[in-house]
Amino acid sequence: MSMQIPILKFGGRVLQGHQRFGPNESDVVRQCHELTTANEIYRLVEQKRNEARATRLREIAEDFILPLRAEGIVPAIVVSAFDWATDKLDQLSTYIAPKPVDREYARLLMSGELRANSSLAMMLEALGCRAYSLTGREAGIRTKGGAVGALIESVDEGYLRHLIGEGIVPVVAGFQGYYRDPETGRNEVSILGRGGSNLTAVALAHALGQPEATMYSDVDGIYDRPPAVYDDAQKIGEINGRELLQWPEFPQVIQKEAVEYALDYGIDIWIRSGFDPEATGTRIICSE
């Protein structure tokens, strides 16, 4: 029987928190009006954002990760980039080049997840929990399909198992891996499609012999229709993955490729709230 290794994935909005600049955002606006240069405003806004991020990372550690460690359980963590980070990096690339070289584009976009996973690992260490941040390549995620829009081919989970055996929480940067470039014969980094951190989590669950992966999101599950649009939208407690794939409008809370991968390998997916540890969420059944 496989060792229990909870696979927990935290989305970008969960990592960022509800208040981008902390609980007193109106006060930040007031302070900006008192400044005289754009550079001063930028420095203040960045300071407040970093303070808010640090507070939010502590909450995630204390609410979701440290309770498991107190029970002697070592989870494997997957993170997305902080909210909006990927969009900002993508926008930067468009200002530089209309059609950037895939290799450099992949390296630019993957930096968002690297900031997020190293920050969370740093917070865990500060709270007395041993943790290592890992790139997709360090986590053994091999892909196919080139540098951009890749799919996961296999996972060499040896290093992950080693860390977990030592009581170290691996914090894996989602959305990325590596592939062998046939032209150069070298290993190169690759990025998955949008929402690819979900695929990363499911692949790690399969590689580590786990029956499920939990995706912590800014919503508390899957609804029969968008709750932001329809007041009478109903949350679904459980749904078959194959049925979900037939929906005319696939829910944005989970990547379609992640569900397809989960169905291929029999990995159930939990969609749960990243702000309420007690909320049960929605279970996507893919193991039947």
C-alpha atoms as a PDB file:
ATOM      1  CA  MET A   1       0.000   0.000   0.000  1.00  0.00           C
ATOM      2  CA  SER A   2       1.353   3.434  -0.913  1.00  0.00           C
ATOM      3  CA  MET A   3       2.342   5.918   1.753  1.00  0.00           C
ATOM      4  CA  GLN A   4      -0.233   8.670   2.285  1.00  0.00           C
ATOM      5  CA  ILE A   5       1.081  11.749   0.495  1.00  0.00           C
ATOM      6  CA  PRO A   6      -1.614  14.412   0.095  1.00  0.00           C
ATOM      7  CA  ILE A   7      -1.219  16.274  -3.207  1.00  0.00           C
ATOM      8  CA  LEU A   8      -2.283  19.879  -2.645  1.00  0.00           C
ATOM      9  CA  LYS A   9      -2.375  22.468  -5.398  1.00  0.00           C
ATOM     10  CA  PHE A  10      -2.868  26.170  -4.638  1.00  0.00           C
ATOM     11  CA  GLY A  11      -4.147  28.469  -7.364  1.00  0.00           C
ATOM     12  CA  GLY A  12      -2.917  31.972  -8.056  1.00  0.00           C
ATOM     13  CA  ARG A  13      -5.856  33.789  -6.498  1.00  0.00           C
ATOM     14  CA  VAL A  14      -5.575  31.650  -3.385  1.00  0.00           C
ATOM     15  CA  LEU A  15      -1.898  32.527  -3.071  1.00  0.00           C
ATOM     16  CA  GLN A  16      -2.640  36.227  -3.601  1.00  0.00           C
ATOM     17  CA  GLY A  17      -5.620  36.481  -1.261  1.00  0.00           C
ATOM     18  CA  HIS A  18      -8.840  38.467  -1.516  1.00  0.00           C
ATOM     19  CA  GLN A  19      -7.127  41.798  -0.842  1.00  0.00           C
ATOM     20  CA  ARG A  20      -4.221  42.379  -3.195  1.00  0.00           C
ATOM     21  CA  PHE A  21      -2.795  45.113  -0.967  1.00  0.00           C
ATOM     22  CA  GLY A  22      -3.980  43.951   2.429  1.00  0.00           C
ATOM     23  CA  PRO A  23      -7.110  44.659   4.495  1.00  0.00           C
ATOM     24  CA  ASN A  24      -6.749  48.462   4.280  1.00  0.00           C
ATOM     25  CA  GLU A  25      -6.688  48.964   0.514  1.00  0.00           C
ATOM     26  CA  SER A  26      -8.558  52.280   0.729  1.00  0.00           C
ATOM     27  CA  ASP A  27      -5.793  53.587   2.960  1.00  0.00           C
ATOM     28  CA  VAL A  28      -3.243  52.623   0.287  1.00  0.00           C
ATOM     29  CA  VAL A  29      -5.155  54.746  -2.225  1.00  0.00           C
ATOM     30  CA  ARG A  30      -5.077  57.684   0.191  1.00  0.00           C
ATOM     31  CA  GLN A  31      -1.329  57.300   0.709  1.00  0.00           C
ATOM     32  CA  CYS A  32      -0.764  57.216  -3.061  1.00  0.00           C
ATOM     33  CA  HIS A  33      -2.544  60.568  -3.420  1.00  0.00           C
ATOM     34  CA  GLU A  34      -0.074  62.039  -0.919  1.00  0.00           C
ATOM     35  CA  LEU A  35       2.952  61.012  -2.999  1.00  0.00           C
ATOM     36  CA  THR A  36       4.430  63.165  -5.747  1.00  0.00           C
ATOM     37  CA  THR A  37       6.173  60.817  -8.189  1.00  0.00           C
ATOM     38  CA  ALA A  38       5.224  57.661 -10.048  1.00  0.00           C
ATOM     39  CA  ASN A  39       8.285  55.931  -8.627  1.00  0.00           C
ATOM     40  CA  GLU A  40       7.171  56.654  -5.050  1.00  0.00           C
ATOM     41  CA  ILE A  41       3.700  55.297  -5.798  1.00  0.00           C
ATOM     42  CA  TYR A  42       5.162  52.173  -7.390  1.00  0.00           C
ATOM     43  CA  ARG A  43       7.400  51.497  -4.384  1.00  0.00           C
ATOM     44  CA  LEU A  44       4.506  51.928  -1.944  1.00  0.00           C
ATOM     45  CA  VAL A  45       2.182  49.678  -3.934  1.00  0.00           C
ATOM     46  CA  GLU A  46       4.832  46.959  -4.232  1.00  0.00           C
ATOM     47  CA  GLN A  47       5.571  47.169  -0.508  1.00  0.00           C
ATOM     48  CA  LYS A  48       1.902  46.763   0.408  1.00  0.00           C
ATOM     49  CA  ARG A  49       1.459  43.926  -2.059  1.00  0.00           C
ATOM     50  CA  ASN A  50       4.449  42.057  -0.661  1.00  0.00           C
ATOM     51  CA  GLU A  51       3.193  42.539   2.896  1.00  0.00           C
ATOM     52  CA  ALA A  52      -0.199  41.154   1.872  1.00  0.00           C
ATOM     53  CA  ARG A  53       1.394  38.199   0.080  1.00  0.00           C
ATOM     54  CA  ALA A  54       3.506  37.290   3.083  1.00  0.00           C
ATOM     55  CA  THR A  55       0.448  37.377   5.327  1.00  0.00           C
ATOM     56  CA  ARG A  56      -1.498  35.203   2.900  1.00  0.00           C
ATOM     57  CA  LEU A  57       1.300  32.637   2.572  1.00  0.00           C
ATOM     58  CA  ARG A  58       1.406  32.337   6.344  1.00  0.00           C
ATOM     59  CA  GLU A  59      -2.350  31.689   6.383  1.00  0.00           C
ATOM     60  CA  ILE A  60      -2.001  28.959   3.759  1.00  0.00           C
ATOM     61  CA  ALA A  61       0.817  27.319   5.686  1.00  0.00           C
ATOM     62  CA  GLU A  62      -1.048  27.446   9.000  1.00  0.00           C
ATOM     63  CA  ASP A  63      -4.455  26.418   7.647  1.00  0.00           C
ATOM     64  CA  PHE A  64      -3.554  23.686   5.171  1.00  0.00           C
ATOM     65  CA  ILE A  65       0.029  22.435   5.493  1.00  0.00           C
ATOM     66  CA  LEU A  66       1.199  22.641   9.112  1.00  0.00           C
ATOM     67  CA  PRO A  67      -1.812  20.673  10.438  1.00  0.00           C
ATOM     68  CA  LEU A  68      -0.746  17.754   8.232  1.00  0.00           C
ATOM     69  CA  ARG A  69       2.843  17.982   9.438  1.00  0.00           C
ATOM     70  CA  ALA A  70       1.587  17.953  13.045  1.00  0.00           C
ATOM     71  CA  GLU A  71       0.075  14.535  12.241  1.00  0.00           C
ATOM     72  CA  GLY A  72       3.366  13.304  10.789  1.00  0.00           C
ATOM     73  CA  ILE A  73       2.089  13.528   7.189  1.00  0.00           C
ATOM     74  CA  VAL A  74       4.277  15.097   4.485  1.00  0.00           C
ATOM     75  CA  PRO A  75       2.241  16.549   1.612  1.00  0.00           C
ATOM     76  CA  ALA A  76       3.498  17.386  -1.856  1.00  0.00           C
ATOM     77  CA  ILE A  77       2.551  20.937  -2.824  1.00  0.00           C
ATOM     78  CA  VAL A  78       1.994  22.372  -6.305  1.00  0.00           C
ATOM     79  CA  VAL A  79       1.573  26.110  -6.855  1.00  0.00           C
ATOM     80  CA  SER A  80       0.459  28.360  -9.646  1.00  0.00           C
ATOM     81  CA  ALA A  81       1.925  31.819 -10.146  1.00  0.00           C
ATOM     82  CA  PHE A  82       0.555  34.626  -8.026  1.00  0.00           C
ATOM     83  CA  ASP A  83      -2.668  36.014  -9.477  1.00  0.00           C
ATOM     84  CA  TRP A  84      -2.105  38.049 -12.671  1.00  0.00           C
ATOM     85  CA  ALA A  85       1.622  37.200 -12.769  1.00  0.00           C
ATOM     86  CA  THR A  86       1.369  35.031 -15.899  1.00  0.00           C
ATOM     87  CA  ASP A  87      -0.778  37.642 -17.654  1.00  0.00           C
ATOM     88  CA  LYS A  88       1.778  40.360 -16.871  1.00  0.00           C
ATOM     89  CA  LEU A  89       4.648  38.249 -18.173  1.00  0.00           C
ATOM     90  CA  ASP A  90       2.698  37.387 -21.312  1.00  0.00           C
ATOM     91  CA  GLN A  91       1.981  41.083 -21.840  1.00  0.00           C
ATOM     92  CA  LEU A  92       5.669  41.900 -21.431  1.00  0.00           C
ATOM     93  CA  SER A  93       6.533  39.400 -24.147  1.00  0.00           C
ATOM     94  CA  THR A  94       4.078  41.017 -26.585  1.00  0.00           C
ATOM     95  CA  TYR A  95       5.757  44.394 -26.103  1.00  0.00           C
ATOM     96  CA  ILE A  96       9.128  42.806 -26.823  1.00  0.00           C
ATOM     97  CA  ALA A  97       8.213  40.620 -29.799  1.00  0.00           C
ATOM     98  CA  PRO A  98       4.893  39.812 -31.530  1.00  0.00           C
ATOM     99  CA  LYS A  99       6.002  36.190 -31.967  1.00  0.00           C
ATOM    100  CA  PRO A 100       8.665  35.435 -29.348  1.00  0.00           C
ATOM    101  CA  VAL A 101      10.945  32.438 -29.653  1.00  0.00           C
ATOM    102  CA  ASP A 102       9.266  29.537 -27.842  1.00  0.00           C
ATOM    103  CA  ARG A 103      12.299  28.735 -25.709  1.00  0.00           C
ATOM    104  CA  GLU A 104      12.576  32.241 -24.270  1.00  0.00           C
ATOM    105  CA  TYR A 105       8.814  32.678 -23.967  1.00  0.00           C
ATOM    106  CA  ALA A 106       8.618  29.490 -21.876  1.00  0.00           C
ATOM    107  CA  ARG A 107      11.440  30.641 -19.627  1.00  0.00           C
ATOM    108  CA  LEU A 108       9.810  34.029 -19.103  1.00  0.00           C
ATOM    109  CA  LEU A 109       6.384  32.636 -18.187  1.00  0.00           C
ATOM    110  CA  MET A 110       7.707  29.886 -15.906  1.00  0.00           C
ATOM    111  CA  SER A 111       9.349  32.513 -13.696  1.00  0.00           C
ATOM    112  CA  GLY A 112       5.938  33.344 -12.214  1.00  0.00           C
ATOM    113  CA  GLU A 113       5.567  29.921 -10.610  1.00  0.00           C
ATOM    114  CA  LEU A 114       9.173  30.002  -9.409  1.00  0.00           C
ATOM    115  CA  ARG A 115       8.536  33.161  -7.416  1.00  0.00           C
ATOM    116  CA  ALA A 116       5.442  31.619  -5.867  1.00  0.00           C
ATOM    117  CA  ASN A 117       6.887  28.253  -4.891  1.00  0.00           C
ATOM    118  CA  SER A 118      10.123  29.647  -3.458  1.00  0.00           C
ATOM    119  CA  SER A 119       8.106  32.175  -1.434  1.00  0.00           C
ATOM    120  CA  LEU A 120       5.855  29.477   0.040  1.00  0.00           C
ATOM    121  CA  ALA A 121       8.824  27.227   0.801  1.00  0.00           C
ATOM    122  CA  MET A 122      10.536  30.152   2.504  1.00  0.00           C
ATOM    123  CA  MET A 123       7.440  30.786   4.624  1.00  0.00           C
ATOM    124  CA  LEU A 124       7.231  27.140   5.651  1.00  0.00           C
ATOM    125  CA  GLU A 125      10.886  27.180   6.685  1.00  0.00           C
ATOM    126  CA  ALA A 126      10.300  30.370   8.683  1.00  0.00           C
ATOM    127  CA  LEU A 127       7.494  28.567  10.533  1.00  0.00           C
ATOM    128  CA  GLY A 128       9.735  25.629  11.410  1.00  0.00           C
ATOM    129  CA  CYS A 129       8.598  23.269   8.618  1.00  0.00           C
ATOM    130  CA  ARG A 130      11.320  21.876   6.370  1.00  0.00           C
ATOM    131  CA  ALA A 131      10.540  22.594   2.715  1.00  0.00           C
ATOM    132  CA  TYR A 132      12.281  22.682  -0.663  1.00  0.00           C
ATOM    133  CA  SER A 133      11.079  24.550  -3.724  1.00  0.00           C
ATOM    134  CA  LEU A 134      11.478  22.608  -6.969  1.00  0.00           C
ATOM    135  CA  THR A 135      11.260  23.517 -10.637  1.00  0.00           C
ATOM    136  CA  GLY A 136       9.262  21.193 -12.852  1.00  0.00           C
ATOM    137  CA  ARG A 137      12.501  19.673 -14.089  1.00  0.00           C
ATOM    138  CA  GLU A 138      13.796  19.108 -10.542  1.00  0.00           C
ATOM    139  CA  ALA A 139      10.497  17.389  -9.758  1.00  0.00           C
ATOM    140  CA  GLY A 140      11.145  15.002 -12.654  1.00  0.00           C
ATOM    141  CA  ILE A 141       8.325  16.160 -14.928  1.00  0.00           C
ATOM    142  CA  ARG A 142       9.185  15.197 -18.490  1.00  0.00           C
ATOM    143  CA  THR A 143       7.008  16.561 -21.288  1.00  0.00           C
ATOM    144  CA  LYS A 144       6.336  16.180 -24.982  1.00  0.00           C
ATOM    145  CA  GLY A 145       5.262  18.684 -27.599  1.00  0.00           C
ATOM    146  CA  GLY A 146       8.051  21.257 -27.424  1.00  0.00           C
ATOM    147  CA  ALA A 147       8.652  24.304 -25.240  1.00  0.00           C
ATOM    148  CA  VAL A 148       5.138  25.810 -25.266  1.00  0.00           C
ATOM    149  CA  GLY A 149       1.792  24.055 -24.783  1.00  0.00           C
ATOM    150  CA  ALA A 150       3.497  20.827 -23.749  1.00  0.00           C
ATOM    151  CA  LEU A 151       1.852  17.741 -22.256  1.00  0.00           C
ATOM    152  CA  ILE A 152       3.262  15.574 -19.500  1.00  0.00           C
ATOM    153  CA  GLU A 153       4.862  12.378 -20.782  1.00  0.00           C
ATOM    154  CA  SER A 154       6.235  10.897 -17.546  1.00  0.00           C
ATOM    155  CA  VAL A 155       7.335  11.767 -14.016  1.00  0.00           C
ATOM    156  CA  ASP A 156      10.523  10.530 -12.372  1.00  0.00           C
ATOM    157  CA  GLU A 157       9.370  10.783  -8.772  1.00  0.00           C
ATOM    158  CA  GLY A 158      12.581   9.544  -7.137  1.00  0.00           C
ATOM    159  CA  TYR A 159      13.741  12.897  -5.767  1.00  0.00           C
ATOM    160  CA  LEU A 160      10.239  13.753  -4.531  1.00  0.00           C
ATOM    161  CA  ARG A 161      10.088  10.478  -2.617  1.00  0.00           C
ATOM    162  CA  HIS A 162      13.519  11.133  -1.169  1.00  0.00           C
ATOM    163  CA  LEU A 163      12.506  14.551   0.150  1.00  0.00           C
ATOM    164  CA  ILE A 164       9.239  13.250   1.564  1.00  0.00           C
ATOM    165  CA  GLY A 165      11.082  10.388   3.246  1.00  0.00           C
ATOM    166  CA  GLU A 166      13.325  12.960   4.922  1.00  0.00           C
ATOM    167  CA  GLY A 167      10.305  14.893   6.200  1.00  0.00           C
ATOM    168  CA  ILE A 168      10.811  17.746   3.726  1.00  0.00           C
ATOM    169  CA  VAL A 169       7.757  19.238   2.026  1.00  0.00           C
ATOM    170  CA  PRO A 170       8.380  19.567  -1.731  1.00  0.00           C
ATOM    171  CA  VAL A 171       6.838  22.732  -3.173  1.00  0.00           C
ATOM    172  CA  VAL A 172       6.681  22.176  -6.923  1.00  0.00           C
ATOM    173  CA  ALA A 173       6.298  24.948  -9.456  1.00  0.00           C
ATOM    174  CA  GLY A 174       3.303  23.978 -11.566  1.00  0.00           C
ATOM    175  CA  PHE A 175       2.788  24.612 -15.281  1.00  0.00           C
ATOM    176  CA  GLN A 176       6.285  23.461 -16.265  1.00  0.00           C
ATOM    177  CA  GLY A 177       8.592  20.586 -17.019  1.00  0.00           C
ATOM    178  CA  TYR A 178      11.385  19.704 -19.430  1.00  0.00           C
ATOM    179  CA  TYR A 179      11.863  17.913 -22.736  1.00  0.00           C
ATOM    180  CA  ARG A 180      14.706  16.650 -24.893  1.00  0.00           C
ATOM    181  CA  ASP A 181      15.234  19.005 -27.822  1.00  0.00           C
ATOM    182  CA  PRO A 182      15.819  16.772 -30.871  1.00  0.00           C
ATOM    183  CA  GLU A 183      17.822  19.484 -32.644  1.00  0.00           C
ATOM    184  CA  THR A 184      20.354  20.163 -29.889  1.00  0.00           C
ATOM    185  CA  GLY A 185      20.153  16.940 -27.909  1.00  0.00           C
ATOM    186  CA  ARG A 186      19.834  19.026 -24.741  1.00  0.00           C
ATOM    187  CA  ASN A 187      17.142  19.105 -22.064  1.00  0.00           C
ATOM    188  CA  GLU A 188      15.099  22.299 -22.316  1.00  0.00           C
ATOM    189  CA  VAL A 189      12.361  23.733 -20.110  1.00  0.00           C
ATOM    190  CA  SER A 190       8.744  23.615 -21.241  1.00  0.00           C
ATOM    191  CA  ILE A 191       5.448  25.081 -20.126  1.00  0.00           C
ATOM    192  CA  LEU A 192       2.051  23.430 -20.152  1.00  0.00           C
ATOM    193  CA  GLY A 193      -1.165  25.022 -21.333  1.00  0.00           C
ATOM    194  CA  ARG A 194      -3.049  27.583 -19.236  1.00  0.00           C
ATOM    195  CA  GLY A 195      -4.203  26.029 -16.000  1.00  0.00           C
ATOM    196  CA  GLY A 196      -1.312  23.587 -16.312  1.00  0.00           C
ATOM    197  CA  SER A 197      -0.644  23.518 -12.569  1.00  0.00           C
ATOM    198  CA  ASN A 198      -3.764  21.344 -12.304  1.00  0.00           C
ATOM    199  CA  LEU A 199      -2.174  18.882 -14.703  1.00  0.00           C
ATOM    200  CA  THR A 200       1.041  18.973 -12.673  1.00  0.00           C
ATOM    201  CA  ALA A 201      -0.850  18.040  -9.501  1.00  0.00           C
ATOM    202  CA  VAL A 202      -2.704  15.143 -11.115  1.00  0.00           C
ATOM    203  CA  ALA A 203       0.508  13.801 -12.667  1.00  0.00           C
ATOM    204  CA  LEU A 204       2.297  13.928  -9.305  1.00  0.00           C
ATOM    205  CA  ALA A 205      -0.586  12.076  -7.657  1.00  0.00           C
ATOM    206  CA  HIS A 206      -0.275   9.316 -10.245  1.00  0.00           C
ATOM    207  CA  ALA A 207       3.525   9.156  -9.996  1.00  0.00           C
ATOM    208  CA  LEU A 208       3.420   8.998  -6.188  1.00  0.00           C
ATOM    209  CA  GLY A 209       0.709   6.342  -6.136  1.00  0.00           C
ATOM    210  CA  GLN A 210      -1.979   8.570  -4.650  1.00  0.00           C
ATOM    211  CA  PRO A 211      -5.700   8.153  -5.395  1.00  0.00           C
ATOM    212  CA  GLU A 212      -6.528  11.863  -5.576  1.00  0.00           C
ATOM    213  CA  ALA A 213      -5.290  15.420  -5.898  1.00  0.00           C
ATOM    214  CA  THR A 214      -6.837  18.442  -4.199  1.00  0.00           C
ATOM    215  CA  MET A 215      -7.058  21.772  -6.016  1.00  0.00           C
ATOM    216  CA  TYR A 216      -7.515  24.737  -3.684  1.00  0.00           C
ATOM    217  CA  SER A 217      -9.279  27.516  -5.552  1.00  0.00           C
ATOM    218  CA  ASP A 218     -10.958  30.857  -4.917  1.00  0.00           C
ATOM    219  CA  VAL A 219     -14.321  29.112  -5.324  1.00  0.00           C
ATOM    220  CA  ASP A 220     -15.681  26.334  -3.131  1.00  0.00           C
ATOM    221  CA  GLY A 221     -16.480  23.844  -5.871  1.00  0.00           C
ATOM    222  CA  ILE A 222     -18.081  23.331  -9.265  1.00  0.00           C
ATOM    223  CA  TYR A 223     -21.525  24.804  -9.893  1.00  0.00           C
ATOM    224  CA  ASP A 224     -24.155  23.796 -12.428  1.00  0.00           C
ATOM    225  CA  ARG A 225     -23.773  27.268 -13.940  1.00  0.00           C
ATOM    226  CA  PRO A 226     -21.609  30.323 -13.165  1.00  0.00           C
ATOM    227  CA  PRO A 227     -22.517  31.507  -9.626  1.00  0.00           C
ATOM    228  CA  ALA A 228     -21.245  35.015 -10.397  1.00  0.00           C
ATOM    229  CA  VAL A 229     -23.936  35.291 -13.073  1.00  0.00           C
ATOM    230  CA  TYR A 230     -26.809  33.201 -11.698  1.00  0.00           C
ATOM    231  CA  ASP A 231     -28.045  33.667  -8.134  1.00  0.00           C
ATOM    232  CA  ASP A 232     -29.719  30.252  -8.158  1.00  0.00           C
ATOM    233  CA  ALA A 233     -26.586  28.348  -9.253  1.00  0.00           C
ATOM    234  CA  GLN A 234     -26.203  25.099  -7.325  1.00  0.00           C
ATOM    235  CA  LYS A 235     -22.927  23.596  -6.157  1.00  0.00           C
ATOM    236  CA  ILE A 236     -22.336  20.012  -7.231  1.00  0.00           C
ATOM    237  CA  GLY A 237     -21.017  17.694  -4.527  1.00  0.00           C
ATOM    238  CA  GLU A 238     -19.813  14.988  -6.885  1.00  0.00           C
ATOM    239  CA  ILE A 239     -19.596  14.523 -10.652  1.00  0.00           C
ATOM    240  CA  ASN A 240     -18.096  11.937 -12.975  1.00  0.00           C
ATOM    241  CA  GLY A 241     -15.131  13.238 -14.949  1.00  0.00           C
ATOM    242  CA  ARG A 242     -16.450  11.914 -18.257  1.00  0.00           C
ATOM    243  CA  GLU A 243     -19.736  13.690 -17.673  1.00  0.00           C
ATOM    244  CA  LEU A 244     -17.888  16.904 -16.882  1.00  0.00           C
ATOM    245  CA  LEU A 245     -16.013  16.716 -20.176  1.00  0.00           C
ATOM    246  CA  GLN A 246     -19.356  16.729 -21.988  1.00  0.00           C
ATOM    247  CA  TRP A 247     -20.428  20.080 -20.545  1.00  0.00           C
ATOM    248  CA  PRO A 248     -20.893  22.649 -23.331  1.00  0.00           C
ATOM    249  CA  GLU A 249     -19.131  25.244 -21.166  1.00  0.00           C
ATOM    250  CA  PHE A 250     -16.255  23.616 -19.290  1.00  0.00           C
ATOM    251  CA  PRO A 251     -15.751  25.147 -15.801  1.00  0.00           C
ATOM    252  CA  GLN A 252     -12.726  27.421 -15.567  1.00  0.00           C
ATOM    253  CA  VAL A 253     -11.858  26.171 -12.088  1.00  0.00           C
ATOM    254  CA  ILE A 254     -10.181  23.040 -13.523  1.00  0.00           C
ATOM    255  CA  GLN A 255      -8.120  22.442 -16.659  1.00  0.00           C
ATOM    256  CA  LYS A 256      -9.709  20.062 -19.165  1.00  0.00           C
ATOM    257  CA  GLU A 257      -6.369  18.321 -19.860  1.00  0.00           C
ATOM    258  CA  ALA A 258      -6.022  17.632 -16.125  1.00  0.00           C
ATOM    259  CA  VAL A 259      -9.386  15.853 -16.072  1.00  0.00           C
ATOM    260  CA  GLU A 260      -8.458  13.851 -19.170  1.00  0.00           C
ATOM    261  CA  TYR A 261      -5.157  12.823 -17.575  1.00  0.00           C
ATOM    262  CA  ALA A 262      -6.979  11.931 -14.347  1.00  0.00           C
ATOM    263  CA  LEU A 263      -9.401   9.728 -16.269  1.00  0.00           C
ATOM    264  CA  ASP A 264      -6.533   7.981 -18.042  1.00  0.00           C
ATOM    265  CA  TYR A 265      -4.861   7.075 -14.741  1.00  0.00           C
ATOM    266  CA  GLY A 266      -7.791   6.869 -12.319  1.00  0.00           C
ATOM    267  CA  ILE A 267      -7.016   9.895 -10.152  1.00  0.00           C
ATOM    268  CA  ASP A 268      -9.940  11.627  -8.439  1.00  0.00           C
ATOM    269  CA  ILE A 269      -9.853  15.416  -8.170  1.00  0.00           C
ATOM    270  CA  TRP A 270     -11.151  17.546  -5.309  1.00  0.00           C
ATOM    271  CA  ILE A 271     -12.032  21.162  -6.014  1.00  0.00           C
ATOM    272  CA  ARG A 272     -12.014  22.937  -2.653  1.00  0.00           C
ATOM    273  CA  SER A 273     -11.952  26.431  -1.206  1.00  0.00           C
ATOM    274  CA  GLY A 274      -8.505  27.821  -0.488  1.00  0.00           C
ATOM    275  CA  PHE A 275     -10.035  30.184   2.068  1.00  0.00           C
ATOM    276  CA  ASP A 276     -12.187  27.791   4.100  1.00  0.00           C
ATOM    277  CA  PRO A 277     -10.463  24.536   5.145  1.00  0.00           C
ATOM    278  CA  GLU A 278     -13.793  23.100   6.341  1.00  0.00           C
ATOM    279  CA  ALA A 279     -15.659  23.504   3.036  1.00  0.00           C
ATOM    280  CA  THR A 280     -16.038  20.113   1.341  1.00  0.00           C
ATOM    281  CA  GLY A 281     -16.059  21.313  -2.290  1.00  0.00           C
ATOM    282  CA  THR A 282     -16.694  19.121  -5.339  1.00  0.00           C
ATOM    283  CA  ARG A 283     -15.242  15.696  -6.039  1.00  0.00           C
ATOM    284  CA  ILE A 284     -14.597  14.818  -9.692  1.00  0.00           C
ATOM    285  CA  ILE A 285     -14.710  11.034  -9.923  1.00  0.00           C
ATOM    286  CA  CYS A 286     -12.140   9.746 -12.408  1.00  0.00           C
ATOM    287  CA  SER A 287     -11.273   6.396 -10.794  1.00  0.00           C
ATOM    288  CA  GLU A 288     -14.195   4.346 -12.068  1.00  0.00           C
END
